[in-house]
Amino acid sequence: MSNFLRRLDLNLLVTLDALLIEHNVTRAAERLHLSQPSVSVQLARLREFFGDPLLLPGPRGMRPTSRADELREPLRQALAALEQAVAPSTPFDPAQADQTWRIAAFDYSEYTILLPAIATLRAAAPAMRLAVVQSAPSQVARKAEQGDIDLAFLIGSEAPPDLRRKPMFTERYVLAGRAGHPRLKRRPSLTQFCTLDHVIVSPDGGGFQGVTDTALAEKGMTRRVALSVPHFLFLRAVLASTDLVAMVPSRLVHSDAALQVVEPPLDVPGFEMLMLWPERVHRDPAHQWLRERIADSV
């Protein structure tokens, strides 16, 4: 070990990691279960060791210096490797496990991925807890690295590149309406399709265009979108109780007796659904078991 490392208390690196995550001494202290004065003293020691202020006062907490930004990722990787090196090597026993997992998913992936897996997970690990949360795709990588999310499900086009990933399946779109819909007794022509009243899911809220409209525009055509909703669960209820129709992922409606499903009259690009997780848990036996059980249930 170099003289440089001998002069450093490795616990200070854990504190520095928390400070670079929170940008706030009080919140870092809460994350570390330490007092605020203790973290302040450790920050002073870190500044002396690195010869750099590391964190400076800013309008919204503290902002890292250039040196701190350089340290962020190598420090995160080094701590993850150290944790892996000293972690107990005892086999993972799901029957005795009591972990709480935080999984980021929206209603589509809740229904198509998590719902089929819950019974299996409960039977194998009855003391394990799952917290299903929602997170904007742009925030998933940061929350995963900070430990606020253990696993996430996103479509390929929205997945951050710096997370580990496993393809779950490729989805395609079908045209759906209520059972007995008079205009869905057979596959409609493209012209008939455009005269139907459509409903669309807009997760960001209020949008009236999607991939179907892009495909129609390439043919110089448009459709009428009469309703925009934020969730697929509400969409299914709307379809079952009105004469509105929708282009929906096939897995969402393939076994719904309340709906009539036909092939659409145009090709609309589907999407790949991914399971995502951060490097910090990639080799963790419990997390590996969780990923395998969920993948096997799809």
Protein backbone atom coordinates (compact mmCIF):
# COMPACT_ATOMS: atom_id res chain seq x y z
CA MET A 1 0.00 0.00 0.00
CA SER A 2 1.35 3.44 -0.90
CA ASN A 3 2.20 6.04 1.74
CA PHE A 4 -0.55 8.15 0.17
CA LEU A 5 -3.23 5.61 1.12
CA ARG A 6 -1.72 4.95 4.56
CA ARG A 7 -2.40 8.58 5.45
CA LEU A 8 -6.11 8.22 4.58
CA ASP A 9 -8.91 6.86 6.76
CA LEU A 10 -11.02 4.88 4.29
CA ASN A 11 -14.16 5.87 6.20
CA LEU A 12 -13.57 9.38 4.91
CA LEU A 13 -14.11 8.11 1.37
CA VAL A 14 -17.55 6.80 2.37
CA THR A 15 -18.34 10.25 3.72
CA LEU A 16 -17.06 11.90 0.56
CA ASP A 17 -19.27 9.61 -1.56
CA ALA A 18 -22.34 10.61 0.48
CA LEU A 19 -21.44 14.30 0.21
CA LEU A 20 -21.04 14.04 -3.57
CA ILE A 21 -24.46 12.41 -3.78
CA GLU A 22 -26.34 14.79 -1.49
CA HIS A 23 -24.44 18.08 -1.96
CA ASN A 24 -25.55 18.84 1.59
CA VAL A 25 -23.81 18.09 4.90
CA THR A 26 -27.03 17.51 6.86
CA ARG A 27 -28.50 15.10 4.30
CA ALA A 28 -25.16 13.30 3.99
CA ALA A 29 -25.11 12.88 7.77
CA GLU A 30 -28.62 11.40 7.67
CA ARG A 31 -27.59 8.99 4.90
CA LEU A 32 -24.55 7.89 6.95
CA HIS A 33 -26.42 7.83 10.29
CA LEU A 34 -23.91 10.29 11.72
CA SER A 35 -24.25 13.68 13.34
CA GLN A 36 -23.94 16.80 11.23
CA PRO A 37 -20.89 18.06 13.21
CA SER A 38 -19.12 14.72 12.65
CA VAL A 39 -19.60 14.98 8.90
CA SER A 40 -18.42 18.60 8.95
CA VAL A 41 -15.22 17.52 10.72
CA GLN A 42 -14.68 14.75 8.18
CA LEU A 43 -15.23 17.17 5.30
CA ALA A 44 -12.53 19.41 6.76
CA ARG A 45 -10.14 16.43 6.91
CA LEU A 46 -10.99 15.52 3.30
CA ARG A 47 -10.28 19.08 2.18
CA GLU A 48 -6.91 18.97 3.91
CA PHE A 49 -6.03 15.57 2.44
CA PHE A 50 -6.93 16.49 -1.15
CA GLY A 51 -5.76 20.09 -0.90
CA ASP A 52 -9.07 21.19 -2.40
CA PRO A 53 -12.34 22.58 -0.95
CA LEU A 54 -14.27 19.78 -2.77
CA LEU A 55 -17.68 21.35 -2.04
CA LEU A 56 -18.45 25.06 -2.14
CA PRO A 57 -21.56 26.96 -0.98
CA GLY A 58 -24.14 27.38 -3.75
CA PRO A 59 -27.66 28.75 -4.19
CA ARG A 60 -29.18 25.28 -3.65
CA GLY A 61 -26.91 23.56 -1.18
CA MET A 62 -23.29 22.92 -2.10
CA ARG A 63 -21.69 22.55 -5.52
CA PRO A 64 -18.71 20.27 -6.22
CA THR A 65 -15.39 21.61 -7.41
CA SER A 66 -13.73 20.29 -10.56
CA ARG A 67 -11.57 18.03 -8.40
CA ALA A 68 -14.66 16.61 -6.70
CA ASP A 69 -16.29 15.93 -10.08
CA GLU A 70 -13.15 14.04 -11.13
CA LEU A 71 -13.32 11.93 -7.99
CA ARG A 72 -17.03 11.07 -8.20
CA GLU A 73 -17.08 8.06 -10.57
CA PRO A 74 -13.69 6.50 -9.64
CA LEU A 75 -14.69 6.77 -5.99
CA ARG A 76 -18.07 5.12 -6.62
CA GLN A 77 -16.41 2.25 -8.50
CA ALA A 78 -13.71 1.81 -5.85
CA LEU A 79 -16.21 1.66 -2.99
CA ALA A 80 -18.38 -0.81 -4.91
CA ALA A 81 -15.35 -3.03 -5.54
CA LEU A 82 -14.28 -2.79 -1.89
CA GLU A 83 -17.77 -3.66 -0.68
CA GLN A 84 -17.81 -6.66 -3.00
CA ALA A 85 -14.37 -7.76 -1.78
CA VAL A 86 -15.31 -7.79 1.91
CA ALA A 87 -18.93 -8.96 1.55
CA PRO A 88 -19.77 -12.30 3.17
CA SER A 89 -19.54 -15.22 0.77
CA THR A 90 -22.40 -17.23 2.29
CA PRO A 91 -24.94 -18.47 -0.28
CA PHE A 92 -28.11 -16.48 -0.71
CA ASP A 93 -31.17 -18.17 0.85
CA PRO A 94 -34.41 -16.59 -0.42
CA ALA A 95 -36.44 -18.36 2.27
CA GLN A 96 -34.52 -16.41 4.93
CA ALA A 97 -34.13 -13.15 3.00
CA ASP A 98 -35.73 -10.00 4.34
CA GLN A 99 -34.50 -7.41 1.82
CA THR A 100 -36.64 -4.53 0.64
CA TRP A 101 -36.29 -3.92 -3.11
CA ARG A 102 -37.28 -0.66 -4.79
CA ILE A 103 -38.34 -1.20 -8.40
CA ALA A 104 -39.08 1.61 -10.86
CA ALA A 105 -41.93 0.69 -13.20
CA PHE A 106 -44.93 2.24 -14.91
CA ASP A 107 -48.33 0.61 -15.21
CA TYR A 108 -47.52 -1.25 -18.44
CA SER A 109 -44.43 -2.97 -17.00
CA GLU A 110 -46.22 -3.46 -13.67
CA TYR A 111 -48.90 -5.45 -15.49
CA THR A 112 -46.76 -7.35 -18.00
CA ILE A 113 -43.62 -8.03 -15.95
CA LEU A 114 -44.11 -7.59 -12.21
CA LEU A 115 -47.63 -8.98 -11.86
CA PRO A 116 -46.66 -12.40 -13.33
CA ALA A 117 -43.62 -12.53 -11.01
CA ILE A 118 -45.19 -11.59 -7.68
CA ALA A 119 -46.62 -15.00 -6.78
CA THR A 120 -43.28 -16.71 -7.49
CA LEU A 121 -41.33 -14.15 -5.48
CA ARG A 122 -43.76 -14.36 -2.56
CA ALA A 123 -43.64 -18.14 -2.47
CA ALA A 124 -39.84 -18.33 -2.56
CA ALA A 125 -39.06 -15.32 -0.34
CA PRO A 126 -42.07 -14.58 1.91
CA ALA A 127 -40.17 -12.07 4.07
CA MET A 128 -38.87 -10.05 1.13
CA ARG A 129 -40.58 -6.73 0.40
CA LEU A 130 -41.06 -4.93 -2.92
CA ALA A 131 -41.71 -1.21 -3.29
CA VAL A 132 -42.87 -0.30 -6.81
CA VAL A 133 -42.15 3.35 -7.54
CA GLN A 134 -42.37 5.62 -10.55
CA SER A 135 -39.44 7.64 -11.80
CA ALA A 136 -38.90 9.73 -14.90
CA PRO A 137 -36.58 7.86 -17.31
CA SER A 138 -34.10 10.74 -17.14
CA GLN A 139 -33.73 10.22 -13.38
CA VAL A 140 -33.46 6.43 -13.28
CA ALA A 141 -29.66 6.19 -13.66
CA ARG A 142 -28.98 8.77 -10.93
CA LYS A 143 -31.45 7.19 -8.50
CA ALA A 144 -30.08 3.71 -9.21
CA GLU A 145 -26.49 4.78 -8.51
CA GLN A 146 -27.56 6.58 -5.33
CA GLY A 147 -29.32 3.47 -4.03
CA ASP A 148 -32.85 4.85 -4.30
CA ILE A 149 -33.73 2.29 -7.01
CA ASP A 150 -32.51 -1.31 -7.24
CA LEU A 151 -34.17 -2.32 -10.51
CA ALA A 152 -36.02 -0.55 -13.32
CA PHE A 153 -38.05 -1.41 -16.40
CA LEU A 154 -37.95 0.92 -19.39
CA ILE A 155 -38.36 0.69 -23.14
CA GLY A 156 -35.10 0.56 -25.07
CA SER A 157 -35.34 4.09 -26.47
CA GLU A 158 -35.61 5.56 -22.95
CA ALA A 159 -33.00 3.40 -21.20
CA PRO A 160 -29.89 5.21 -19.88
CA PRO A 161 -26.71 3.77 -21.41
CA ASP A 162 -24.73 3.51 -18.16
CA LEU A 163 -26.88 0.85 -16.49
CA ARG A 164 -26.66 -2.91 -16.85
CA ARG A 165 -29.51 -4.31 -18.94
CA LYS A 166 -31.34 -7.46 -19.95
CA PRO A 167 -33.92 -7.57 -22.77
CA MET A 168 -37.24 -8.90 -21.50
CA PHE A 169 -39.26 -9.05 -24.73
CA THR A 170 -40.13 -7.16 -27.90
CA GLU A 171 -43.64 -5.71 -28.03
CA ARG A 172 -45.87 -4.89 -30.99
CA TYR A 173 -49.01 -2.77 -31.35
CA VAL A 174 -52.54 -3.97 -32.09
CA LEU A 175 -55.83 -2.12 -32.59
CA ALA A 176 -58.33 -2.61 -29.74
CA GLY A 177 -61.87 -1.52 -28.87
CA ARG A 178 -64.78 -2.85 -26.85
CA ALA A 179 -66.04 -6.37 -27.46
CA GLY A 180 -68.68 -6.22 -30.19
CA HIS A 181 -67.46 -2.88 -31.52
CA PRO A 182 -69.39 -2.47 -34.82
CA ARG A 183 -66.37 -1.14 -36.70
CA LEU A 184 -63.90 -3.78 -35.50
CA LYS A 185 -65.69 -6.88 -36.76
CA ARG A 186 -62.83 -7.16 -39.24
CA ARG A 187 -59.56 -5.42 -39.89
CA PRO A 188 -60.37 -1.87 -41.04
CA SER A 189 -58.84 -0.27 -44.10
CA LEU A 190 -56.38 2.55 -43.52
CA THR A 191 -59.03 5.10 -44.50
CA GLN A 192 -61.53 3.54 -42.08
CA PHE A 193 -58.85 3.47 -39.37
CA CYS A 194 -58.35 7.23 -39.72
CA THR A 195 -62.09 7.94 -39.31
CA LEU A 196 -62.29 6.12 -35.96
CA ASP A 197 -62.12 8.07 -32.68
CA HIS A 198 -58.90 7.14 -30.90
CA VAL A 199 -57.61 7.34 -27.34
CA ILE A 200 -53.88 7.63 -26.63
CA VAL A 201 -51.70 7.10 -23.55
CA SER A 202 -49.52 10.11 -22.82
CA PRO A 203 -47.36 9.43 -19.72
CA ASP A 204 -46.15 13.03 -19.65
CA GLY A 205 -49.76 14.21 -19.71
CA GLY A 206 -51.94 15.79 -22.36
CA GLY A 207 -50.20 14.61 -25.52
CA PHE A 208 -52.27 13.84 -28.61
CA GLN A 209 -49.61 12.32 -30.86
CA GLY A 210 -47.51 9.17 -30.77
CA VAL A 211 -45.72 6.60 -32.91
CA THR A 212 -48.97 5.81 -34.78
CA ASP A 213 -49.29 9.43 -35.88
CA THR A 214 -45.68 9.42 -37.06
CA ALA A 215 -46.39 6.32 -39.18
CA LEU A 216 -49.53 7.93 -40.60
CA ALA A 217 -47.71 11.18 -41.40
CA GLU A 218 -45.25 9.23 -43.54
CA LYS A 219 -48.25 8.24 -45.65
CA GLY A 220 -49.65 11.77 -45.69
CA MET A 221 -52.58 10.81 -43.43
CA THR A 222 -53.88 11.75 -39.99
CA ARG A 223 -56.29 10.28 -37.45
CA ARG A 224 -58.58 11.82 -34.84
CA VAL A 225 -57.33 11.44 -31.27
CA ALA A 226 -60.33 12.32 -29.12
CA LEU A 227 -58.92 11.46 -25.68
CA SER A 228 -55.49 11.52 -24.01
CA VAL A 229 -54.98 9.60 -20.74
CA PRO A 230 -51.90 9.10 -18.53
CA HIS A 231 -52.23 5.38 -17.72
CA PHE A 232 -52.88 2.11 -19.54
CA LEU A 233 -55.21 0.89 -16.76
CA PHE A 234 -57.57 3.80 -17.43
CA LEU A 235 -57.18 3.25 -21.16
CA ARG A 236 -58.49 -0.31 -20.89
CA ALA A 237 -61.51 0.87 -18.90
CA VAL A 238 -62.24 3.56 -21.49
CA LEU A 239 -62.02 1.08 -24.36
CA ALA A 240 -64.34 -1.40 -22.64
CA SER A 241 -67.04 1.20 -21.95
CA THR A 242 -67.02 3.44 -25.06
CA ASP A 243 -66.70 3.26 -28.84
CA LEU A 244 -63.21 4.75 -28.72
CA VAL A 245 -60.37 2.61 -30.09
CA ALA A 246 -56.64 2.58 -29.41
CA MET A 247 -53.35 1.29 -30.69
CA VAL A 248 -52.08 -0.64 -27.67
CA PRO A 249 -49.22 -3.03 -26.82
CA SER A 250 -50.48 -6.54 -27.53
CA ARG A 251 -49.47 -8.01 -24.14
CA LEU A 252 -51.79 -5.56 -22.42
CA VAL A 253 -54.98 -6.79 -24.10
CA HIS A 254 -54.35 -10.29 -25.47
CA SER A 255 -56.52 -12.05 -22.85
CA ASP A 256 -59.08 -9.34 -22.07
CA ALA A 257 -62.56 -10.69 -22.86
CA ALA A 258 -64.01 -7.18 -22.63
CA LEU A 259 -62.03 -6.05 -25.69
CA GLN A 260 -61.99 -6.80 -29.38
CA VAL A 261 -58.47 -6.92 -30.87
CA VAL A 262 -57.60 -6.80 -34.58
CA GLU A 263 -54.46 -6.23 -36.60
CA PRO A 264 -53.95 -2.56 -37.53
CA PRO A 265 -53.95 -1.53 -41.20
CA LEU A 266 -50.44 -0.04 -40.98
CA ASP A 267 -47.09 -1.02 -39.53
CA VAL A 268 -46.26 0.83 -36.34
CA PRO A 269 -42.81 0.25 -34.82
CA GLY A 270 -42.93 -1.72 -31.59
CA PHE A 271 -40.47 -1.46 -28.73
CA GLU A 272 -38.07 -3.54 -26.66
CA MET A 273 -38.67 -3.76 -22.91
CA LEU A 274 -35.53 -3.83 -20.77
CA MET A 275 -34.69 -4.70 -17.19
CA LEU A 276 -32.04 -2.28 -15.86
CA TRP A 277 -29.84 -2.22 -12.77
CA PRO A 278 -26.71 -0.38 -11.52
CA GLU A 279 -23.21 -1.79 -11.37
CA ARG A 280 -23.23 -1.62 -7.56
CA VAL A 281 -25.63 -4.60 -7.32
CA HIS A 282 -24.61 -6.51 -10.44
CA ARG A 283 -22.74 -9.28 -8.58
CA ASP A 284 -24.88 -9.32 -5.45
CA PRO A 285 -26.31 -12.86 -5.06
CA ALA A 286 -29.68 -11.62 -3.76
CA HIS A 287 -30.06 -9.20 -6.64
CA GLN A 288 -29.01 -11.86 -9.15
CA TRP A 289 -31.70 -14.14 -7.74
CA LEU A 290 -34.33 -11.38 -7.98
CA ARG A 291 -33.45 -10.63 -11.61
CA GLU A 292 -33.52 -14.30 -12.58
CA ARG A 293 -36.90 -14.95 -10.96
CA ILE A 294 -38.49 -11.93 -12.64
CA ALA A 295 -37.01 -12.82 -16.04
CA ASP A 296 -38.26 -16.41 -15.71
CA SER A 297 -41.80 -15.19 -15.05
CA VAL A 298 -42.20 -13.22 -18.28
